[in-house]
Amino acid sequence: MDHYLQSNRELWNAWTRVHVKSKFYDVAGFKRGDNRLDSVVREGLGDVRGKSLLHLQCHFGLDTLNWARLGARVTGADFSEEAITTARALAREIGVDARFVCANLYDLPNALEEKFDIVFTSHGVLSWLPDLNAWARVIARFLKPGGLFFIAEAHPTAYIFDDEHPDDLRVRYPYFHADAPSQSQVQGSYADRDADIRGVEYWWAFSIGDVITALARAGLRIEELREYPFNAWQMFPFMEQDAAGWWRLPDRFPPLPLMFALKARPRMNDE
């Protein structure tokens, strides 16, 4: 397992150096004050002013810092040394108070002690995790009583299709979880397909049932699960971007679940 995670960490280190310069992340716009948090995420968390927020798998911190601009007291965590170094530098440059911790998600309880009003994660995070039950326990560990966990993520159904086929949806990948990871050859990145990056990524499939069951076993109560016929990034070459920035399938396809959002809170003692 260490081999898989180390390989993925090296890939994210390389991606960070590309992403910070990419049009996809538009760091220049962020520095000018643009807020890149999407409407599903903004509505899901609501008013964060004065609340403590832990952002898991925060990459190089743009969303974390956006929450800080909206008034949250933020901590971002990621396993990529390059990403955390970039996030800290960016926070200093724009003068935003934020803490960033470099740690494997599963080791985070050894690096942080406090609990948070909100634990947040979004978009392209779950497939990098080999153990969803342990992930859910980490979330429960960091939530205050009455706190909120929120995730917006690509739908597991969308991940079964061939992401390289030029014009059609064809099943290529498993829907159900296996302990051994799948692997894919990497050329470029999702933010810059022409970037000079080559490598292998290791990833794990999880069903919606896996997500809900893991959170329930960790002591969380699911408040809401929503599914959407669009996604935050271009999963397939033939997707079309709408006026709001979401990526959708062309009209020749029936509506399919491409993204979900979930809210959960710690169960009370009498539940």
C-alpha atoms as a PDB file:
ATOM      1  CA  MET A   1       0.000   0.000   0.000  1.00  0.00           C
ATOM      2  CA  ASP A   2       2.850   2.406   0.761  1.00  0.00           C
ATOM      3  CA  HIS A   3       4.057   1.966  -2.823  1.00  0.00           C
ATOM      4  CA  TYR A   4       0.676   2.991  -4.248  1.00  0.00           C
ATOM      5  CA  LEU A   5       0.353   6.024  -1.992  1.00  0.00           C
ATOM      6  CA  GLN A   6       3.923   7.150  -2.610  1.00  0.00           C
ATOM      7  CA  SER A   7       3.434   6.878  -6.362  1.00  0.00           C
ATOM      8  CA  ASN A   8       0.246   8.941  -6.118  1.00  0.00           C
ATOM      9  CA  ARG A   9       1.980  11.491  -3.885  1.00  0.00           C
ATOM     10  CA  GLU A  10       4.750  11.971  -6.439  1.00  0.00           C
ATOM     11  CA  LEU A  11       2.123  12.446  -9.136  1.00  0.00           C
ATOM     12  CA  TRP A  12       0.306  15.103  -7.093  1.00  0.00           C
ATOM     13  CA  ASN A  13       3.602  16.872  -6.405  1.00  0.00           C
ATOM     14  CA  ALA A  14       4.188  17.082 -10.162  1.00  0.00           C
ATOM     15  CA  TRP A  15       0.589  18.098 -10.818  1.00  0.00           C
ATOM     16  CA  THR A  16       0.793  20.907  -8.268  1.00  0.00           C
ATOM     17  CA  ARG A  17       3.636  22.584 -10.175  1.00  0.00           C
ATOM     18  CA  VAL A  18       1.441  22.498 -13.299  1.00  0.00           C
ATOM     19  CA  HIS A  19      -1.893  23.319 -11.674  1.00  0.00           C
ATOM     20  CA  VAL A  20      -0.728  26.503  -9.991  1.00  0.00           C
ATOM     21  CA  LYS A  21       0.008  27.914 -13.479  1.00  0.00           C
ATOM     22  CA  SER A  22      -3.064  26.461 -15.211  1.00  0.00           C
ATOM     23  CA  LYS A  23      -6.094  28.206 -16.641  1.00  0.00           C
ATOM     24  CA  PHE A  24      -8.240  25.607 -14.871  1.00  0.00           C
ATOM     25  CA  TYR A  25      -7.297  26.921 -11.419  1.00  0.00           C
ATOM     26  CA  ASP A  26      -6.809  30.567 -12.488  1.00  0.00           C
ATOM     27  CA  VAL A  27      -4.632  31.570  -9.560  1.00  0.00           C
ATOM     28  CA  ALA A  28      -4.321  35.095 -10.973  1.00  0.00           C
ATOM     29  CA  GLY A  29      -8.095  35.492 -10.793  1.00  0.00           C
ATOM     30  CA  PHE A  30      -8.109  34.104  -7.277  1.00  0.00           C
ATOM     31  CA  LYS A  31      -5.509  36.660  -6.208  1.00  0.00           C
ATOM     32  CA  ARG A  32      -7.733  39.410  -7.627  1.00  0.00           C
ATOM     33  CA  GLY A  33     -10.527  38.202  -5.360  1.00  0.00           C
ATOM     34  CA  ASP A  34     -12.467  35.732  -7.518  1.00  0.00           C
ATOM     35  CA  ASN A  35     -14.181  32.976  -5.523  1.00  0.00           C
ATOM     36  CA  ARG A  36     -14.022  29.618  -7.309  1.00  0.00           C
ATOM     37  CA  LEU A  37     -16.309  27.724  -4.914  1.00  0.00           C
ATOM     38  CA  ASP A  38     -19.184  26.327  -6.955  1.00  0.00           C
ATOM     39  CA  SER A  39     -22.872  26.801  -6.185  1.00  0.00           C
ATOM     40  CA  VAL A  40     -23.441  23.251  -4.882  1.00  0.00           C
ATOM     41  CA  VAL A  41     -20.617  23.608  -2.380  1.00  0.00           C
ATOM     42  CA  ARG A  42     -21.566  27.158  -1.349  1.00  0.00           C
ATOM     43  CA  GLU A  43     -25.192  26.203  -0.778  1.00  0.00           C
ATOM     44  CA  GLY A  44     -24.218  22.993   0.981  1.00  0.00           C
ATOM     45  CA  LEU A  45     -22.155  24.700   3.660  1.00  0.00           C
ATOM     46  CA  GLY A  46     -24.074  27.952   3.866  1.00  0.00           C
ATOM     47  CA  ASP A  47     -22.769  30.743   6.092  1.00  0.00           C
ATOM     48  CA  VAL A  48     -19.343  29.762   7.464  1.00  0.00           C
ATOM     49  CA  ARG A  49     -18.505  33.025   9.235  1.00  0.00           C
ATOM     50  CA  GLY A  50     -16.822  32.392  12.565  1.00  0.00           C
ATOM     51  CA  LYS A  51     -16.835  28.617  12.134  1.00  0.00           C
ATOM     52  CA  SER A  52     -13.822  26.329  12.245  1.00  0.00           C
ATOM     53  CA  LEU A  53     -13.410  24.339   9.040  1.00  0.00           C
ATOM     54  CA  LEU A  54     -11.148  21.387   8.220  1.00  0.00           C
ATOM     55  CA  HIS A  55     -10.606  20.825   4.507  1.00  0.00           C
ATOM     56  CA  LEU A  56      -9.460  17.277   3.748  1.00  0.00           C
ATOM     57  CA  GLN A  57      -7.421  16.609   0.584  1.00  0.00           C
ATOM     58  CA  CYS A  58      -7.174  20.349  -0.009  1.00  0.00           C
ATOM     59  CA  HIS A  59      -4.571  20.221  -2.844  1.00  0.00           C
ATOM     60  CA  PHE A  60      -2.792  23.591  -2.917  1.00  0.00           C
ATOM     61  CA  GLY A  61      -5.458  25.349  -0.916  1.00  0.00           C
ATOM     62  CA  LEU A  62      -7.531  27.534  -3.241  1.00  0.00           C
ATOM     63  CA  ASP A  63     -10.875  26.323  -1.910  1.00  0.00           C
ATOM     64  CA  THR A  64      -9.543  26.398   1.646  1.00  0.00           C
ATOM     65  CA  LEU A  65      -8.526  30.024   1.238  1.00  0.00           C
ATOM     66  CA  ASN A  66     -11.841  30.861  -0.380  1.00  0.00           C
ATOM     67  CA  TRP A  67     -13.590  29.597   2.761  1.00  0.00           C
ATOM     68  CA  ALA A  68     -11.263  31.775   4.817  1.00  0.00           C
ATOM     69  CA  ARG A  69     -12.247  34.788   2.725  1.00  0.00           C
ATOM     70  CA  LEU A  70     -15.865  33.963   3.559  1.00  0.00           C
ATOM     71  CA  GLY A  71     -15.080  34.136   7.256  1.00  0.00           C
ATOM     72  CA  ALA A  72     -14.201  30.583   8.290  1.00  0.00           C
ATOM     73  CA  ARG A  73     -11.210  29.694  10.462  1.00  0.00           C
ATOM     74  CA  VAL A  74      -9.591  27.201   8.134  1.00  0.00           C
ATOM     75  CA  THR A  75      -7.208  24.268   8.273  1.00  0.00           C
ATOM     76  CA  GLY A  76      -6.287  22.473   5.062  1.00  0.00           C
ATOM     77  CA  ALA A  77      -4.681  19.044   4.942  1.00  0.00           C
ATOM     78  CA  ASP A  78      -3.070  17.162   2.060  1.00  0.00           C
ATOM     79  CA  PHE A  79      -0.433  14.455   1.588  1.00  0.00           C
ATOM     80  CA  SER A  80       1.464  16.346  -1.137  1.00  0.00           C
ATOM     81  CA  GLU A  81       4.454  18.276   0.191  1.00  0.00           C
ATOM     82  CA  GLU A  82       4.503  20.441  -2.935  1.00  0.00           C
ATOM     83  CA  ALA A  83       0.815  21.290  -2.553  1.00  0.00           C
ATOM     84  CA  ILE A  84       1.092  22.277   1.115  1.00  0.00           C
ATOM     85  CA  THR A  85       4.218  24.375   0.482  1.00  0.00           C
ATOM     86  CA  THR A  86       2.354  26.168  -2.329  1.00  0.00           C
ATOM     87  CA  ALA A  87      -0.749  26.663  -0.175  1.00  0.00           C
ATOM     88  CA  ARG A  88       1.245  28.224   2.656  1.00  0.00           C
ATOM     89  CA  ALA A  89       3.046  30.554   0.262  1.00  0.00           C
ATOM     90  CA  LEU A  90      -0.215  31.591  -1.363  1.00  0.00           C
ATOM     91  CA  ALA A  91      -1.830  32.317   2.012  1.00  0.00           C
ATOM     92  CA  ARG A  92       1.088  34.533   2.967  1.00  0.00           C
ATOM     93  CA  GLU A  93       1.024  36.335  -0.384  1.00  0.00           C
ATOM     94  CA  ILE A  94      -2.654  37.284  -0.175  1.00  0.00           C
ATOM     95  CA  GLY A  95      -2.573  37.938   3.573  1.00  0.00           C
ATOM     96  CA  VAL A  96      -5.181  35.351   4.574  1.00  0.00           C
ATOM     97  CA  ASP A  97      -4.918  33.561   7.904  1.00  0.00           C
ATOM     98  CA  ALA A  98      -4.916  29.825   7.236  1.00  0.00           C
ATOM     99  CA  ARG A  99      -3.181  26.730   8.561  1.00  0.00           C
ATOM    100  CA  PHE A 100      -2.007  23.939   6.275  1.00  0.00           C
ATOM    101  CA  VAL A 101      -0.904  20.490   7.436  1.00  0.00           C
ATOM    102  CA  CYS A 102       1.027  17.998   5.332  1.00  0.00           C
ATOM    103  CA  ALA A 103      -0.122  14.500   6.285  1.00  0.00           C
ATOM    104  CA  ASN A 104      -1.566  11.337   4.851  1.00  0.00           C
ATOM    105  CA  LEU A 105      -5.293  11.573   5.592  1.00  0.00           C
ATOM    106  CA  TYR A 106      -5.195   8.441   7.734  1.00  0.00           C
ATOM    107  CA  ASP A 107      -2.342   9.897   9.830  1.00  0.00           C
ATOM    108  CA  LEU A 108      -4.040  13.250  10.365  1.00  0.00           C
ATOM    109  CA  PRO A 109      -5.278  12.430  13.910  1.00  0.00           C
ATOM    110  CA  ASN A 110      -1.581  12.282  14.889  1.00  0.00           C
ATOM    111  CA  ALA A 111      -1.004  15.798  13.525  1.00  0.00           C
ATOM    112  CA  LEU A 112      -4.143  17.616  14.761  1.00  0.00           C
ATOM    113  CA  GLU A 113      -5.880  17.508  18.125  1.00  0.00           C
ATOM    114  CA  GLU A 114      -8.868  19.870  17.972  1.00  0.00           C
ATOM    115  CA  LYS A 115     -12.363  19.304  16.603  1.00  0.00           C
ATOM    116  CA  PHE A 116     -14.111  21.423  13.978  1.00  0.00           C
ATOM    117  CA  ASP A 117     -17.536  22.831  13.246  1.00  0.00           C
ATOM    118  CA  ILE A 118     -17.209  21.699   9.615  1.00  0.00           C
ATOM    119  CA  VAL A 119     -15.264  18.961   7.862  1.00  0.00           C
ATOM    120  CA  PHE A 120     -15.273  19.523   4.117  1.00  0.00           C
ATOM    121  CA  THR A 121     -13.959  17.758   1.026  1.00  0.00           C
ATOM    122  CA  SER A 122     -14.849  17.948  -2.649  1.00  0.00           C
ATOM    123  CA  HIS A 123     -14.351  16.938  -6.271  1.00  0.00           C
ATOM    124  CA  GLY A 124     -12.041  14.071  -7.159  1.00  0.00           C
ATOM    125  CA  VAL A 125     -11.091  12.928  -3.677  1.00  0.00           C
ATOM    126  CA  LEU A 126     -12.502   9.479  -2.898  1.00  0.00           C
ATOM    127  CA  SER A 127     -10.824   7.420  -5.606  1.00  0.00           C
ATOM    128  CA  TRP A 128      -7.391   8.134  -4.080  1.00  0.00           C
ATOM    129  CA  LEU A 129      -8.338   6.467  -0.783  1.00  0.00           C
ATOM    130  CA  PRO A 130      -7.779   2.725  -0.259  1.00  0.00           C
ATOM    131  CA  ASP A 131      -9.939   2.481   2.895  1.00  0.00           C
ATOM    132  CA  LEU A 132     -13.250   4.322   3.074  1.00  0.00           C
ATOM    133  CA  ASN A 133     -14.115   3.059   6.559  1.00  0.00           C
ATOM    134  CA  ALA A 134     -10.922   4.568   7.958  1.00  0.00           C
ATOM    135  CA  TRP A 135     -11.669   7.792   6.028  1.00  0.00           C
ATOM    136  CA  ALA A 136     -15.070   8.037   7.697  1.00  0.00           C
ATOM    137  CA  ARG A 137     -13.543   7.460  11.145  1.00  0.00           C
ATOM    138  CA  VAL A 138     -11.144  10.357  10.546  1.00  0.00           C
ATOM    139  CA  ILE A 139     -14.092  12.588   9.674  1.00  0.00           C
ATOM    140  CA  ALA A 140     -15.974  11.558  12.808  1.00  0.00           C
ATOM    141  CA  ARG A 141     -12.836  12.112  14.905  1.00  0.00           C
ATOM    142  CA  PHE A 142     -12.600  15.762  13.863  1.00  0.00           C
ATOM    143  CA  LEU A 143     -16.278  16.776  14.045  1.00  0.00           C
ATOM    144  CA  LYS A 144     -17.616  18.630  17.053  1.00  0.00           C
ATOM    145  CA  PRO A 145     -20.984  17.457  18.431  1.00  0.00           C
ATOM    146  CA  GLY A 146     -23.551  18.909  16.063  1.00  0.00           C
ATOM    147  CA  GLY A 147     -20.872  19.644  13.459  1.00  0.00           C
ATOM    148  CA  LEU A 148     -21.359  19.238   9.715  1.00  0.00           C
ATOM    149  CA  PHE A 149     -19.591  16.973   7.254  1.00  0.00           C
ATOM    150  CA  PHE A 150     -20.086  17.903   3.597  1.00  0.00           C
ATOM    151  CA  ILE A 151     -18.777  16.294   0.436  1.00  0.00           C
ATOM    152  CA  ALA A 152     -19.412  17.092  -3.228  1.00  0.00           C
ATOM    153  CA  GLU A 153     -17.874  14.494  -5.497  1.00  0.00           C
ATOM    154  CA  ALA A 154     -18.081  12.818  -8.888  1.00  0.00           C
ATOM    155  CA  HIS A 155     -20.739  10.108  -8.793  1.00  0.00           C
ATOM    156  CA  PRO A 156     -19.430   6.528  -8.610  1.00  0.00           C
ATOM    157  CA  THR A 157     -21.607   5.647 -11.598  1.00  0.00           C
ATOM    158  CA  ALA A 158     -19.741   8.164 -13.753  1.00  0.00           C
ATOM    159  CA  TYR A 159     -16.411   6.547 -12.913  1.00  0.00           C
ATOM    160  CA  ILE A 160     -17.298   3.260 -14.623  1.00  0.00           C
ATOM    161  CA  PHE A 161     -17.131   4.769 -18.127  1.00  0.00           C
ATOM    162  CA  ASP A 162     -14.100   5.007 -20.387  1.00  0.00           C
ATOM    163  CA  ASP A 163     -12.735   8.522 -19.889  1.00  0.00           C
ATOM    164  CA  GLU A 164     -10.638   8.336 -23.063  1.00  0.00           C
ATOM    165  CA  HIS A 165     -13.243   7.288 -25.634  1.00  0.00           C
ATOM    166  CA  PRO A 166     -13.755  10.265 -27.970  1.00  0.00           C
ATOM    167  CA  ASP A 167     -17.524  10.198 -28.515  1.00  0.00           C
ATOM    168  CA  ASP A 168     -19.424   7.583 -26.496  1.00  0.00           C
ATOM    169  CA  LEU A 169     -20.009   6.149 -23.019  1.00  0.00           C
ATOM    170  CA  ARG A 170     -18.561   2.666 -22.729  1.00  0.00           C
ATOM    171  CA  VAL A 171     -18.187   0.737 -19.503  1.00  0.00           C
ATOM    172  CA  ARG A 172     -14.503   0.211 -18.729  1.00  0.00           C
ATOM    173  CA  TYR A 173     -13.962   0.347 -14.967  1.00  0.00           C
ATOM    174  CA  PRO A 174     -15.464  -1.467 -11.946  1.00  0.00           C
ATOM    175  CA  TYR A 175     -18.260   0.030  -9.892  1.00  0.00           C
ATOM    176  CA  PHE A 176     -17.674  -2.074  -6.789  1.00  0.00           C
ATOM    177  CA  HIS A 177     -14.695  -1.804  -4.471  1.00  0.00           C
ATOM    178  CA  ALA A 178     -11.731  -4.173  -4.492  1.00  0.00           C
ATOM    179  CA  ASP A 179      -8.785  -4.080  -2.092  1.00  0.00           C
ATOM    180  CA  ALA A 180      -6.266  -4.045  -4.931  1.00  0.00           C
ATOM    181  CA  PRO A 181      -6.255  -0.726  -6.809  1.00  0.00           C
ATOM    182  CA  SER A 182      -6.904  -0.148 -10.461  1.00  0.00           C
ATOM    183  CA  GLN A 183      -4.186   1.694 -12.309  1.00  0.00           C
ATOM    184  CA  SER A 184      -4.118   4.088 -15.236  1.00  0.00           C
ATOM    185  CA  GLN A 185      -1.373   5.583 -17.340  1.00  0.00           C
ATOM    186  CA  VAL A 186      -1.138   9.328 -16.821  1.00  0.00           C
ATOM    187  CA  GLN A 187      -0.434  11.830 -19.565  1.00  0.00           C
ATOM    188  CA  GLY A 188      -0.804  15.452 -18.503  1.00  0.00           C
ATOM    189  CA  SER A 189      -3.458  16.168 -15.872  1.00  0.00           C
ATOM    190  CA  TYR A 190      -7.153  16.913 -15.622  1.00  0.00           C
ATOM    191  CA  ALA A 191      -6.250  20.619 -15.451  1.00  0.00           C
ATOM    192  CA  ASP A 192      -3.831  20.591 -18.390  1.00  0.00           C
ATOM    193  CA  ARG A 193      -3.988  17.594 -20.700  1.00  0.00           C
ATOM    194  CA  ASP A 194      -0.923  18.814 -22.600  1.00  0.00           C
ATOM    195  CA  ALA A 195       1.320  19.108 -19.539  1.00  0.00           C
ATOM    196  CA  ASP A 196       4.639  17.266 -19.762  1.00  0.00           C
ATOM    197  CA  ILE A 197       3.778  14.705 -17.080  1.00  0.00           C
ATOM    198  CA  ARG A 198       3.905  10.939 -17.462  1.00  0.00           C
ATOM    199  CA  GLY A 199       3.262   8.342 -14.817  1.00  0.00           C
ATOM    200  CA  VAL A 200       0.877   5.842 -13.265  1.00  0.00           C
ATOM    201  CA  GLU A 201      -2.004   6.616 -10.944  1.00  0.00           C
ATOM    202  CA  TYR A 202      -3.480   4.054  -8.554  1.00  0.00           C
ATOM    203  CA  TRP A 203      -7.114   4.414  -7.583  1.00  0.00           C
ATOM    204  CA  TRP A 204      -9.968   2.597  -5.863  1.00  0.00           C
ATOM    205  CA  ALA A 205     -13.656   2.335  -6.766  1.00  0.00           C
ATOM    206  CA  PHE A 206     -16.411   2.884  -4.209  1.00  0.00           C
ATOM    207  CA  SER A 207     -20.167   2.678  -4.587  1.00  0.00           C
ATOM    208  CA  ILE A 208     -22.658   5.143  -3.139  1.00  0.00           C
ATOM    209  CA  GLY A 209     -23.561   2.369  -0.712  1.00  0.00           C
ATOM    210  CA  ASP A 210     -19.922   2.189   0.421  1.00  0.00           C
ATOM    211  CA  VAL A 211     -19.882   5.937   1.143  1.00  0.00           C
ATOM    212  CA  ILE A 212     -23.116   5.925   3.147  1.00  0.00           C
ATOM    213  CA  THR A 213     -22.287   2.741   5.054  1.00  0.00           C
ATOM    214  CA  ALA A 214     -18.800   3.935   5.992  1.00  0.00           C
ATOM    215  CA  LEU A 215     -20.138   7.212   7.384  1.00  0.00           C
ATOM    216  CA  ALA A 216     -22.954   5.455   9.260  1.00  0.00           C
ATOM    217  CA  ARG A 217     -20.535   2.946  10.805  1.00  0.00           C
ATOM    218  CA  ALA A 218     -18.372   5.869  11.971  1.00  0.00           C
ATOM    219  CA  GLY A 219     -21.296   7.296  13.915  1.00  0.00           C
ATOM    220  CA  LEU A 220     -22.602   9.873  11.459  1.00  0.00           C
ATOM    221  CA  ARG A 221     -26.240  10.459  10.525  1.00  0.00           C
ATOM    222  CA  ILE A 222     -26.895  11.170   6.848  1.00  0.00           C
ATOM    223  CA  GLU A 223     -29.024  14.297   6.515  1.00  0.00           C
ATOM    224  CA  GLU A 224     -29.098  14.676   2.773  1.00  0.00           C
ATOM    225  CA  LEU A 225     -27.898  12.979  -0.398  1.00  0.00           C
ATOM    226  CA  ARG A 226     -28.382  14.734  -3.721  1.00  0.00           C
ATOM    227  CA  GLU A 227     -27.426  13.570  -7.215  1.00  0.00           C
ATOM    228  CA  TYR A 228     -26.789  15.790 -10.225  1.00  0.00           C
ATOM    229  CA  PRO A 229     -26.618  15.294 -14.029  1.00  0.00           C
ATOM    230  CA  PHE A 230     -23.451  17.397 -14.267  1.00  0.00           C
ATOM    231  CA  ASN A 231     -19.940  17.463 -12.863  1.00  0.00           C
ATOM    232  CA  ALA A 232     -17.324  20.028 -11.860  1.00  0.00           C
ATOM    233  CA  TRP A 233     -14.763  18.981 -14.469  1.00  0.00           C
ATOM    234  CA  GLN A 234     -14.656  17.450 -17.944  1.00  0.00           C
ATOM    235  CA  MET A 235     -14.659  13.734 -17.196  1.00  0.00           C
ATOM    236  CA  PHE A 236     -15.182  12.743 -20.850  1.00  0.00           C
ATOM    237  CA  PRO A 237     -13.801  14.430 -23.981  1.00  0.00           C
ATOM    238  CA  PHE A 238     -17.264  15.044 -25.465  1.00  0.00           C
ATOM    239  CA  MET A 239     -18.802  16.780 -22.427  1.00  0.00           C
ATOM    240  CA  GLU A 240     -20.094  20.325 -22.877  1.00  0.00           C
ATOM    241  CA  GLN A 241     -19.765  23.181 -20.395  1.00  0.00           C
ATOM    242  CA  ASP A 242     -22.914  25.128 -19.565  1.00  0.00           C
ATOM    243  CA  ALA A 243     -23.251  28.814 -18.710  1.00  0.00           C
ATOM    244  CA  ALA A 244     -22.806  28.112 -15.000  1.00  0.00           C
ATOM    245  CA  GLY A 245     -19.521  26.261 -15.580  1.00  0.00           C
ATOM    246  CA  TRP A 246     -20.834  22.719 -15.024  1.00  0.00           C
ATOM    247  CA  TRP A 247     -19.842  19.933 -17.424  1.00  0.00           C
ATOM    248  CA  ARG A 248     -22.757  17.985 -18.918  1.00  0.00           C
ATOM    249  CA  LEU A 249     -23.290  15.135 -21.348  1.00  0.00           C
ATOM    250  CA  PRO A 250     -24.605  16.123 -24.800  1.00  0.00           C
ATOM    251  CA  ASP A 251     -28.373  15.933 -25.306  1.00  0.00           C
ATOM    252  CA  ARG A 252     -28.080  12.607 -27.159  1.00  0.00           C
ATOM    253  CA  PHE A 253     -27.531  10.914 -23.776  1.00  0.00           C
ATOM    254  CA  PRO A 254     -30.254  10.443 -21.146  1.00  0.00           C
ATOM    255  CA  PRO A 255     -29.668  12.243 -17.831  1.00  0.00           C
ATOM    256  CA  LEU A 256     -27.190  10.237 -15.748  1.00  0.00           C
ATOM    257  CA  PRO A 257     -25.847  10.831 -12.232  1.00  0.00           C
ATOM    258  CA  LEU A 258     -22.462  12.513 -12.647  1.00  0.00           C
ATOM    259  CA  MET A 259     -22.044  14.155  -9.236  1.00  0.00           C
ATOM    260  CA  PHE A 260     -23.428  13.826  -5.730  1.00  0.00           C
ATOM    261  CA  ALA A 261     -23.429  15.944  -2.589  1.00  0.00           C
ATOM    262  CA  LEU A 262     -23.900  14.595   0.920  1.00  0.00           C
ATOM    263  CA  LYS A 263     -24.404  16.127   4.355  1.00  0.00           C
ATOM    264  CA  ALA A 264     -23.921  14.229   7.606  1.00  0.00           C
ATOM    265  CA  ARG A 265     -23.647  15.015  11.317  1.00  0.00           C
ATOM    266  CA  PRO A 266     -22.538  13.035  14.396  1.00  0.00           C
ATOM    267  CA  ARG A 267     -25.383  11.009  15.876  1.00  0.00           C
ATOM    268  CA  MET A 268     -26.655  12.158  19.241  1.00  0.00           C
ATOM    269  CA  ASN A 269     -26.311   9.793  22.196  1.00  0.00           C
ATOM    270  CA  ASP A 270     -29.999   8.912  22.136  1.00  0.00           C
ATOM    271  CA  GLU A 271     -30.078   7.988  18.424  1.00  0.00           C
END
